[in-house]
Amino acid sequence: MNNERVATGVDMLDAIVNGGFRQGKSYLISGESGTGKTAFALQFMEKGFELGEAGIYVTADEQPGDIIDDAESFGFSFEEGIAENQVMLLDYSSHFDSLREHDKEIDVNKIVGDLNKYVKQIGAKRLVIDPIAPFVVKDERMWEIRSYIRSLFYSLESLGCTTVITSAIPIGSNRLSLYGVEEFYASGVVILQIEELDKLVYKRTLLVRKMRGSPYKLEPHLFDFEYGKGIVIQKPSPDDLMVSSRGTPVV
């Protein structure tokens, strides 16, 4: 087992998961709309740039310019990383649109093969896929989706990168991911939530729901956004620990 750890870029999270993510593994960042999934992904990439670790950011839902604007809004040097060939921003939206137009399936081996060329080109150590949804083109039967996602996660590990994959949780759902299967194949799952503590009083929370190879406490951690840092986990007060967490079984 490779026990080398990769810094997540999120203050205090590395300590919570015993030193960071395991090198070369894939991690799922899930949450409803507006909970900070893209912020986490950008922060993970920013930390890599700070440490001299090249990274690839794959988007299919947003325009590249919007991703750069999001990074700048947090004070991240994303554009500088691109200019220095330490960060590569790949827009796969046109590719997936073409597949949908022709009612074709995505070939996992081809996608990962294409990514491998870019990984070798810049010597990438980090990879972000934000989000996973466009990679599942057709409304397949659940067993087909499960098989496809399993193949995607396992194939990504062949790249040698530490990978962050975001997945939207449908509002009001008890799922841990969009399709309800991503969490089974990820080496770790981090859930971002917006919790109602009292009437019209809301807090953002981060919950480590799964982390292979790392001891951790199954408890929510309050966080906020700070310019220049992104997601910052707060030290909780006793009352804050009353925040409820999802009651879905551990996977």
Protein backbone atom coordinates (compact mmCIF):
# COMPACT_ATOMS: atom_id res chain seq x y z
CA MET A 1 0.00 0.00 0.00
CA ASN A 2 1.26 3.46 -0.92
CA ASN A 3 1.00 5.54 2.26
CA GLU A 4 2.44 8.74 0.77
CA ARG A 5 0.10 11.63 1.53
CA VAL A 6 -1.00 14.55 -0.62
CA ALA A 7 -2.00 17.87 0.93
CA THR A 8 -5.63 18.73 0.20
CA GLY A 9 -5.18 22.48 0.53
CA VAL A 10 -8.07 22.74 3.01
CA ASP A 11 -6.99 24.00 6.43
CA MET A 12 -7.30 21.32 9.13
CA LEU A 13 -8.62 18.64 6.76
CA ASP A 14 -5.18 17.06 6.39
CA ALA A 15 -4.99 16.61 10.15
CA ILE A 16 -8.52 15.17 10.23
CA VAL A 17 -7.61 12.47 7.67
CA ASN A 18 -4.19 11.61 9.06
CA GLY A 19 -2.00 13.68 6.76
CA GLY A 20 -4.01 14.24 3.59
CA PHE A 21 -5.22 12.13 0.68
CA ARG A 22 -3.31 9.00 -0.31
CA GLN A 23 -1.17 9.59 -3.35
CA GLY A 24 -2.57 8.15 -6.58
CA LYS A 25 -6.10 7.53 -5.28
CA SER A 26 -9.43 9.10 -6.27
CA TYR A 27 -11.61 11.11 -3.89
CA LEU A 28 -15.23 12.17 -4.19
CA ILE A 29 -16.38 15.63 -3.10
CA SER A 30 -20.18 15.66 -2.92
CA GLY A 31 -22.80 18.21 -2.00
CA GLU A 32 -25.91 20.04 -3.07
CA SER A 33 -25.70 23.11 -5.28
CA GLY A 34 -23.80 25.99 -3.67
CA THR A 35 -22.01 23.98 -1.00
CA GLY A 36 -18.47 24.60 -2.30
CA LYS A 37 -17.53 21.58 -4.44
CA THR A 38 -15.79 23.63 -7.13
CA ALA A 39 -14.10 25.74 -4.45
CA PHE A 40 -12.66 22.55 -2.94
CA ALA A 41 -11.46 21.37 -6.35
CA LEU A 42 -9.81 24.72 -7.11
CA GLN A 43 -8.20 24.76 -3.68
CA PHE A 44 -6.80 21.28 -4.22
CA MET A 45 -5.30 22.45 -7.52
CA GLU A 46 -3.97 25.68 -5.98
CA LYS A 47 -2.17 23.74 -3.25
CA GLY A 48 -0.50 21.63 -5.88
CA PHE A 49 0.72 24.75 -7.68
CA GLU A 50 2.13 26.10 -4.41
CA LEU A 51 4.02 22.83 -3.89
CA GLY A 52 5.30 22.67 -7.46
CA GLU A 53 2.96 19.79 -8.38
CA ALA A 54 1.47 20.18 -11.84
CA GLY A 55 -2.24 19.51 -12.20
CA ILE A 56 -5.03 19.09 -14.74
CA TYR A 57 -8.51 20.52 -14.20
CA VAL A 58 -11.21 18.94 -16.38
CA THR A 59 -14.51 20.80 -16.73
CA ALA A 60 -17.55 20.02 -18.84
CA ASP A 61 -20.30 22.05 -17.19
CA GLU A 62 -18.69 25.51 -17.05
CA GLN A 63 -16.80 27.68 -19.50
CA PRO A 64 -13.04 27.77 -18.83
CA GLY A 65 -13.26 31.52 -18.29
CA ASP A 66 -15.81 30.98 -15.53
CA ILE A 67 -13.49 28.51 -13.78
CA ILE A 68 -10.67 31.07 -13.91
CA ASP A 69 -13.03 33.77 -12.57
CA ASP A 70 -14.08 31.45 -9.73
CA ALA A 71 -10.44 30.87 -8.84
CA GLU A 72 -9.68 34.59 -8.90
CA SER A 73 -12.66 35.30 -6.63
CA PHE A 74 -10.90 33.24 -3.95
CA GLY A 75 -7.56 34.89 -4.59
CA PHE A 76 -6.03 31.77 -6.17
CA SER A 77 -3.21 32.00 -8.73
CA PHE A 78 -4.92 29.67 -11.20
CA GLU A 79 -4.18 31.82 -14.25
CA GLU A 80 -0.54 32.12 -13.21
CA GLY A 81 -0.34 28.34 -13.01
CA ILE A 82 -1.73 28.04 -16.52
CA ALA A 83 0.77 30.58 -17.82
CA GLU A 84 3.63 28.61 -16.24
CA ASN A 85 2.35 25.31 -17.69
CA GLN A 86 1.85 23.95 -14.18
CA VAL A 87 -1.94 23.94 -14.45
CA MET A 88 -3.84 22.70 -17.49
CA LEU A 89 -7.53 23.54 -17.90
CA LEU A 90 -9.36 21.13 -20.22
CA ASP A 91 -12.86 21.88 -21.53
CA TYR A 92 -14.58 18.60 -22.47
CA SER A 93 -18.04 20.10 -23.00
CA SER A 94 -17.91 20.10 -26.83
CA HIS A 95 -16.73 16.49 -26.84
CA PHE A 96 -19.61 15.31 -24.68
CA ASP A 97 -22.12 17.45 -26.59
CA SER A 98 -21.04 15.70 -29.77
CA LEU A 99 -21.54 12.28 -28.18
CA ARG A 100 -25.01 13.21 -27.01
CA GLU A 101 -25.90 14.52 -30.46
CA HIS A 102 -24.97 11.20 -32.03
CA ASP A 103 -26.40 9.12 -29.16
CA LYS A 104 -23.05 7.49 -28.50
CA GLU A 105 -21.53 6.08 -25.36
CA ILE A 106 -18.33 7.28 -23.75
CA ASP A 107 -15.37 4.95 -24.03
CA VAL A 108 -13.65 5.05 -20.64
CA ASN A 109 -10.38 3.76 -22.07
CA LYS A 110 -10.32 6.49 -24.71
CA ILE A 111 -11.07 9.24 -22.19
CA VAL A 112 -8.41 8.03 -19.77
CA GLY A 113 -6.00 7.50 -22.65
CA ASP A 114 -6.48 11.11 -23.74
CA LEU A 115 -5.98 12.32 -20.17
CA ASN A 116 -2.81 10.25 -19.91
CA LYS A 117 -1.28 12.19 -22.81
CA TYR A 118 -1.90 15.46 -20.98
CA VAL A 119 -0.62 14.03 -17.70
CA LYS A 120 2.65 13.08 -19.37
CA GLN A 121 2.84 16.40 -21.20
CA ILE A 122 3.05 18.49 -18.02
CA GLY A 123 4.05 15.78 -15.52
CA ALA A 124 0.76 16.16 -13.65
CA LYS A 125 0.48 14.85 -10.11
CA ARG A 126 -3.06 16.10 -9.48
CA LEU A 127 -6.26 15.72 -11.46
CA VAL A 128 -9.70 17.28 -10.99
CA ILE A 129 -12.90 16.19 -12.74
CA ASP A 130 -15.58 18.77 -12.01
CA PRO A 131 -18.23 17.34 -12.18
CA ILE A 132 -18.66 13.63 -12.97
CA ALA A 133 -22.17 14.00 -14.47
CA PRO A 134 -21.15 14.84 -18.10
CA PHE A 135 -19.01 11.68 -18.20
CA VAL A 136 -22.24 9.64 -18.05
CA VAL A 137 -23.78 10.59 -21.39
CA LYS A 138 -26.87 8.41 -21.71
CA ASP A 139 -29.60 7.48 -19.26
CA GLU A 140 -28.45 3.92 -18.91
CA ARG A 141 -29.88 1.27 -16.64
CA MET A 142 -28.46 1.44 -13.12
CA TRP A 143 -26.25 -1.64 -13.48
CA GLU A 144 -24.73 -0.10 -16.63
CA ILE A 145 -24.08 3.21 -14.86
CA ARG A 146 -22.53 1.35 -11.93
CA SER A 147 -20.29 -0.67 -14.24
CA TYR A 148 -19.25 2.45 -16.15
CA ILE A 149 -18.43 4.47 -13.01
CA ARG A 150 -16.48 1.54 -11.53
CA SER A 151 -14.44 1.33 -14.73
CA LEU A 152 -13.85 5.09 -14.71
CA PHE A 153 -12.56 5.17 -11.12
CA TYR A 154 -10.33 2.13 -11.57
CA SER A 155 -8.94 3.41 -14.88
CA LEU A 156 -8.13 6.83 -13.43
CA GLU A 157 -5.79 5.22 -10.91
CA SER A 158 -3.61 4.05 -13.81
CA LEU A 159 -2.68 7.71 -14.41
CA GLY A 160 -0.74 7.92 -11.15
CA CYS A 161 -2.43 11.19 -10.19
CA THR A 162 -4.28 11.99 -6.99
CA THR A 163 -7.76 12.74 -8.28
CA VAL A 164 -10.62 14.84 -6.94
CA ILE A 165 -14.02 14.19 -8.53
CA THR A 166 -17.07 16.31 -7.69
CA SER A 167 -20.62 15.01 -7.69
CA ALA A 168 -23.86 16.88 -7.07
CA ILE A 169 -26.31 15.54 -4.50
CA PRO A 170 -29.95 16.10 -5.54
CA ILE A 171 -31.58 18.60 -3.18
CA GLY A 172 -33.54 16.85 -0.45
CA SER A 173 -31.93 13.48 -1.16
CA ASN A 174 -30.17 11.23 1.34
CA ARG A 175 -27.74 10.08 -1.34
CA LEU A 176 -24.02 10.63 -1.04
CA SER A 177 -23.63 11.34 -4.77
CA LEU A 178 -25.59 12.01 -7.96
CA TYR A 179 -25.91 8.40 -9.09
CA GLY A 180 -25.67 6.79 -5.68
CA VAL A 181 -22.72 4.59 -6.65
CA GLU A 182 -19.69 6.89 -6.93
CA GLU A 183 -18.96 6.61 -3.20
CA PHE A 184 -18.40 2.85 -3.45
CA TYR A 185 -15.39 3.21 -5.76
CA ALA A 186 -13.77 6.35 -4.35
CA SER A 187 -11.01 5.96 -1.78
CA GLY A 188 -12.60 8.74 0.22
CA VAL A 189 -15.80 10.77 0.34
CA VAL A 190 -16.14 14.31 1.67
CA ILE A 191 -19.67 15.69 1.97
CA LEU A 192 -20.25 19.46 1.90
CA GLN A 193 -23.57 20.60 3.32
CA ILE A 194 -25.57 23.66 4.32
CA GLU A 195 -27.28 22.93 7.64
CA GLU A 196 -30.07 24.85 9.36
CA LEU A 197 -29.06 25.31 13.00
CA ASP A 198 -32.04 27.44 13.93
CA LYS A 199 -34.75 29.37 12.14
CA LEU A 200 -33.03 31.35 9.37
CA VAL A 201 -29.62 30.43 10.83
CA TYR A 202 -27.49 28.35 8.48
CA LYS A 203 -23.98 26.93 8.67
CA ARG A 204 -21.77 25.22 6.15
CA THR A 205 -20.40 21.85 7.22
CA LEU A 206 -17.81 19.40 5.95
CA LEU A 207 -18.18 15.72 6.79
CA VAL A 208 -15.57 13.07 6.07
CA ARG A 209 -17.91 10.21 5.21
CA LYS A 210 -15.31 7.68 4.08
CA MET A 211 -11.51 7.60 4.02
CA ARG A 212 -9.73 4.34 3.27
CA GLY A 213 -6.43 3.92 5.07
CA SER A 214 -7.11 6.78 7.49
CA PRO A 215 -8.70 6.80 10.94
CA TYR A 216 -11.18 9.65 11.30
CA LYS A 217 -14.15 10.77 13.38
CA LEU A 218 -17.57 10.70 11.76
CA GLU A 219 -18.55 14.22 12.75
CA PRO A 220 -19.36 17.44 10.87
CA HIS A 221 -16.90 20.32 10.85
CA LEU A 222 -18.08 23.88 10.39
CA PHE A 223 -16.36 25.82 7.63
CA ASP A 224 -16.49 29.15 5.85
CA PHE A 225 -14.93 30.75 2.80
CA GLU A 226 -12.01 33.16 3.15
CA TYR A 227 -10.31 35.14 0.42
CA GLY A 228 -6.86 33.75 -0.31
CA LYS A 229 -7.65 30.48 1.48
CA GLY A 230 -10.98 29.22 0.15
CA ILE A 231 -12.59 26.66 2.45
CA VAL A 232 -11.43 27.10 6.03
CA ILE A 233 -12.59 24.68 8.71
CA GLN A 234 -13.58 26.42 11.93
CA LYS A 235 -12.88 25.24 15.45
CA PRO A 236 -16.33 24.23 16.71
CA SER A 237 -18.05 25.41 19.87
CA PRO A 238 -20.07 22.87 21.91
CA ASP A 239 -23.32 24.18 20.39
CA ASP A 240 -21.93 23.80 16.89
CA LEU A 241 -21.40 20.10 17.48
CA MET A 242 -25.17 19.75 17.62
CA VAL A 243 -25.25 20.09 13.80
CA SER A 244 -26.99 17.06 12.38
CA SER A 245 -25.30 14.77 9.85
CA ARG A 246 -26.80 12.48 7.25
CA GLY A 247 -28.02 9.13 8.47
CA THR A 248 -26.97 7.17 5.41
CA PRO A 249 -24.99 3.96 6.19
CA VAL A 250 -21.22 4.13 5.94
CA VAL A 251 -19.85 2.71 2.66
